[in-house]
Protein backbone atom coordinates (compact mmCIF):
# COMPACT_ATOMS: atom_id res chain seq x y z
CA UNK A 1 12.68 2.96 -30.24
CA UNK A 2 9.38 0.53 -29.18
CA UNK A 3 6.05 2.09 -30.82
CA UNK A 4 4.10 -0.85 -29.02
CA UNK A 5 4.03 -2.62 -25.84
CA UNK A 6 6.52 -5.28 -25.87
CA UNK A 7 6.26 -8.06 -22.80
CA UNK A 8 8.83 -10.20 -22.38
CA UNK A 9 7.77 -13.37 -20.57
CA UNK A 10 10.40 -16.04 -21.72
CA UNK A 11 11.10 -16.49 -18.01
CA UNK A 12 10.25 -15.09 -14.91
CA UNK A 13 11.95 -11.33 -14.17
CA UNK A 14 12.45 -9.74 -10.59
CA UNK A 15 13.17 -6.50 -9.08
CA UNK A 16 16.94 -7.42 -9.34
CA UNK A 17 16.64 -8.29 -13.18
CA UNK A 18 14.74 -5.28 -13.65
CA UNK A 19 17.56 -2.69 -11.59
CA UNK A 20 20.12 -4.66 -13.60
CA UNK A 21 18.24 -3.21 -17.33
CA UNK A 22 20.25 0.16 -18.85
CA UNK A 23 19.47 0.21 -22.10
CA UNK A 24 17.67 3.55 -22.07
CA UNK A 25 14.20 2.21 -23.14
CA UNK A 26 11.33 2.48 -20.26
CA UNK A 27 10.27 -0.64 -18.88
CA UNK A 28 7.88 -2.06 -16.16
CA UNK A 29 7.86 -5.43 -14.31
CA UNK A 30 4.37 -7.13 -13.39
CA UNK A 31 3.51 -10.24 -12.70
CA UNK A 32 7.39 -11.57 -13.12
CA UNK A 33 6.95 -10.10 -17.02
CA UNK A 34 8.95 -7.43 -18.66
CA UNK A 35 7.64 -5.04 -20.38
CA UNK A 36 9.24 -2.42 -22.77
CA UNK A 37 6.43 0.30 -22.83
CA UNK A 38 6.74 3.03 -25.89
CA UNK A 39 7.81 6.60 -25.41
CA UNK A 40 5.26 8.75 -25.46
CA UNK A 41 3.85 11.04 -28.24
CA UNK A 42 4.47 14.76 -28.01
CA UNK A 43 0.53 15.50 -27.30
CA UNK A 44 0.56 13.07 -24.09
CA UNK A 45 3.78 14.99 -22.88
CA UNK A 46 1.64 18.06 -23.21
CA UNK A 47 -0.96 17.17 -21.62
CA UNK A 48 0.87 15.18 -18.65
CA UNK A 49 3.12 18.46 -18.44
CA UNK A 50 0.29 20.71 -18.07
CA UNK A 51 -1.37 18.31 -15.31
CA UNK A 52 1.68 18.49 -13.49
CA UNK A 53 2.42 22.20 -13.71
CA UNK A 54 -1.19 22.70 -12.14
CA UNK A 55 -0.22 20.51 -9.20
CA UNK A 56 3.18 21.82 -8.84
CA UNK A 57 1.89 25.77 -8.56
CA UNK A 58 -0.80 24.93 -6.14
CA UNK A 59 1.92 22.43 -4.07
CA UNK A 60 4.36 25.56 -4.14
CA UNK A 61 1.80 27.71 -1.97
CA UNK A 62 0.29 24.76 -0.20
CA UNK A 63 3.10 22.57 0.76
CA UNK A 64 0.86 19.26 1.12
CA UNK A 65 2.92 16.63 -0.70
CA UNK A 66 5.17 16.20 -3.51
CA UNK A 67 3.99 15.64 -7.23
CA UNK A 68 6.47 12.95 -9.46
CA UNK A 69 6.00 12.38 -13.34
CA UNK A 70 7.52 9.70 -15.72
CA UNK A 71 10.02 8.37 -15.77
CA UNK A 72 10.20 7.19 -12.19
CA UNK A 73 10.10 3.72 -10.84
CA UNK A 74 7.40 3.10 -8.60
CA UNK A 75 7.93 -0.33 -6.72
CA UNK A 76 4.36 -2.37 -5.02
CA UNK A 77 5.47 -5.69 -4.18
CA UNK A 78 7.25 -7.37 -6.22
CA UNK A 79 6.21 -4.98 -9.33
CA UNK A 80 7.55 -1.98 -10.77
CA UNK A 81 5.33 0.83 -12.53
CA UNK A 82 6.01 4.17 -14.18
CA UNK A 83 2.80 6.24 -13.85
CA UNK A 84 2.68 9.05 -15.96
CA UNK A 85 1.93 11.64 -12.55
CA UNK A 86 2.13 10.70 -9.10
CA UNK A 87 1.43 12.65 -5.40
CA UNK A 88 2.47 11.68 -2.52
CA UNK A 89 1.23 13.41 0.79
CA UNK A 90 3.64 15.17 2.96
CA UNK A 91 3.14 12.45 5.81
CA UNK A 92 4.01 9.73 2.91
CA UNK A 93 7.19 11.05 2.03
CA UNK A 94 9.42 8.35 3.62
CA UNK A 95 8.07 6.36 0.83
CA UNK A 96 10.71 8.06 -1.52
CA UNK A 97 13.98 6.59 -1.86
CA UNK A 98 17.27 7.73 -3.55
CA UNK A 99 17.06 5.24 -6.55
CA UNK A 100 12.34 4.79 -6.38
CA UNK A 101 9.48 5.18 -4.59
CA UNK A 102 8.93 2.42 -2.31
CA UNK A 103 5.02 2.02 -1.51
CA UNK A 104 1.59 3.06 -3.11
CA UNK A 105 1.47 6.92 -3.89
CA UNK A 106 -1.84 8.20 -2.71
CA UNK A 107 -2.60 9.46 -6.12
CA UNK A 108 -1.58 7.85 -9.96
CA UNK A 109 -2.57 9.57 -13.11
CA UNK A 110 -2.48 7.79 -16.24
CA UNK A 111 -2.49 9.49 -19.74
CA UNK A 112 -3.76 6.88 -21.88
CA UNK A 113 -2.39 6.36 -25.22
CA UNK A 114 -3.60 4.12 -28.16
CA UNK A 115 -1.15 1.27 -27.81
CA UNK A 116 -1.08 1.41 -23.39
CA UNK A 117 -4.67 2.50 -22.82
CA UNK A 118 -6.22 -0.92 -21.78
CA UNK A 119 -3.14 -1.71 -20.05
CA UNK A 120 -2.99 1.35 -17.99
CA UNK A 121 -6.79 0.86 -17.27
CA UNK A 122 -6.99 -2.67 -16.25
CA UNK A 123 -3.71 -4.26 -15.06
CA UNK A 124 -2.38 -1.42 -13.60
CA UNK A 125 -5.63 -0.10 -12.19
CA UNK A 126 -5.86 -3.78 -10.57
CA UNK A 127 -2.14 -3.54 -8.78
CA UNK A 128 -2.86 0.17 -8.20
CA UNK A 129 -5.98 -0.43 -5.56
CA UNK A 130 -4.12 -3.70 -4.69
CA UNK A 131 -1.49 -1.66 -2.89
CA UNK A 132 -3.25 0.83 -1.70
CA UNK A 133 -3.04 3.98 -4.65
CA UNK A 134 -6.08 6.00 -3.22
CA UNK A 135 -7.34 8.05 -6.02
CA UNK A 136 -6.58 7.22 -9.85
CA UNK A 137 -7.30 9.16 -12.73
CA UNK A 138 -7.18 7.97 -16.38
CA UNK A 139 -6.45 10.76 -18.91
CA UNK A 140 -8.28 10.31 -22.34
CA UNK A 141 -6.71 12.72 -24.56
CA UNK A 142 -8.67 12.31 -27.61
CA UNK A 143 -12.24 12.13 -25.89
CA UNK A 144 -10.39 15.13 -23.79
CA UNK A 145 -11.89 13.37 -20.39
CA UNK A 146 -10.40 12.61 -16.82
CA UNK A 147 -12.08 9.77 -15.42
CA UNK A 148 -11.49 9.72 -11.55
CA UNK A 149 -11.65 6.60 -9.06
CA UNK A 150 -11.12 6.40 -5.71
CA UNK A 151 -10.30 3.25 -3.26
CA UNK A 152 -13.41 1.15 -2.84
CA UNK A 153 -13.33 -2.02 -0.35
CA UNK A 154 -12.50 -4.17 -3.26
CA UNK A 155 -12.75 -2.19 -6.46
CA UNK A 156 -12.04 1.28 -7.61
CA UNK A 157 -15.48 3.57 -7.02
CA UNK A 158 -16.08 5.95 -10.10
CA UNK A 159 -16.30 9.10 -9.14
CA UNK A 160 -17.14 10.72 -12.77
CA UNK A 161 -15.75 11.95 -16.09
CA UNK A 162 -15.18 15.23 -16.69
CA UNK A 163 -14.24 17.03 -19.62
CA UNK A 164 -13.29 20.52 -20.49
CA UNK A 165 -15.86 22.37 -19.11
CA UNK A 166 -15.25 20.94 -15.77
CA UNK A 167 -13.07 21.62 -12.75
CA UNK A 168 -11.33 18.32 -10.97
CA UNK A 169 -10.60 18.43 -7.20
CA UNK A 170 -9.29 15.73 -4.87
CA UNK A 171 -10.16 15.57 -1.25
CA UNK A 172 -6.45 14.46 -1.24
CA UNK A 173 -5.28 17.59 -1.77
CA UNK A 174 -8.08 20.17 -0.40
CA UNK A 175 -8.23 23.69 -2.32
CA UNK A 176 -6.05 21.94 -5.28
CA UNK A 177 -8.81 22.84 -7.87
CA UNK A 178 -7.60 21.45 -12.05
CA UNK A 179 -9.50 23.55 -14.81
CA UNK A 180 -9.34 20.93 -17.95
CA UNK A 181 -9.99 23.61 -19.94
CA UNK A 182 -6.23 24.58 -19.45
CA UNK A 183 -5.45 20.89 -20.14
CA UNK A 184 -6.51 20.35 -22.98
């Protein structure tokens, strides 16, 4: 079981190569590099589950789209990523395929782990921007802070940092309120 990010760059990998992997490990494909992603720790999973639960509870009463959580493959051009949580609005559910998500979700949430934090924030954040994700949240479980970004013309526009005292809302899902004292 991997505990650190492992990058295979001995050759250029393709989506076809990626789809053939069946060894029980989690991988992403970015820039032709195959990246083995470590399994999340229990604390990471607990926070991710609490966020997902708030989304699912709201969307059950307000069918505005669907929420998915890792592991799930999201194909963005010739890249394959596995965000922790994604939201796809109901008018874009056609990107949900039988095997994977084929296009940019409306919202991506990455729960940061020490071994993947810079990778999630920089490399994956740039991919999400390039391929049309509208909003991007990074969850720092140690600091108990969620940073929220929305798409700008050439880069992410930071909307703010939110902690346990705050409630996060998003224009993508009118009426949704994520109370952070219930997350951390």
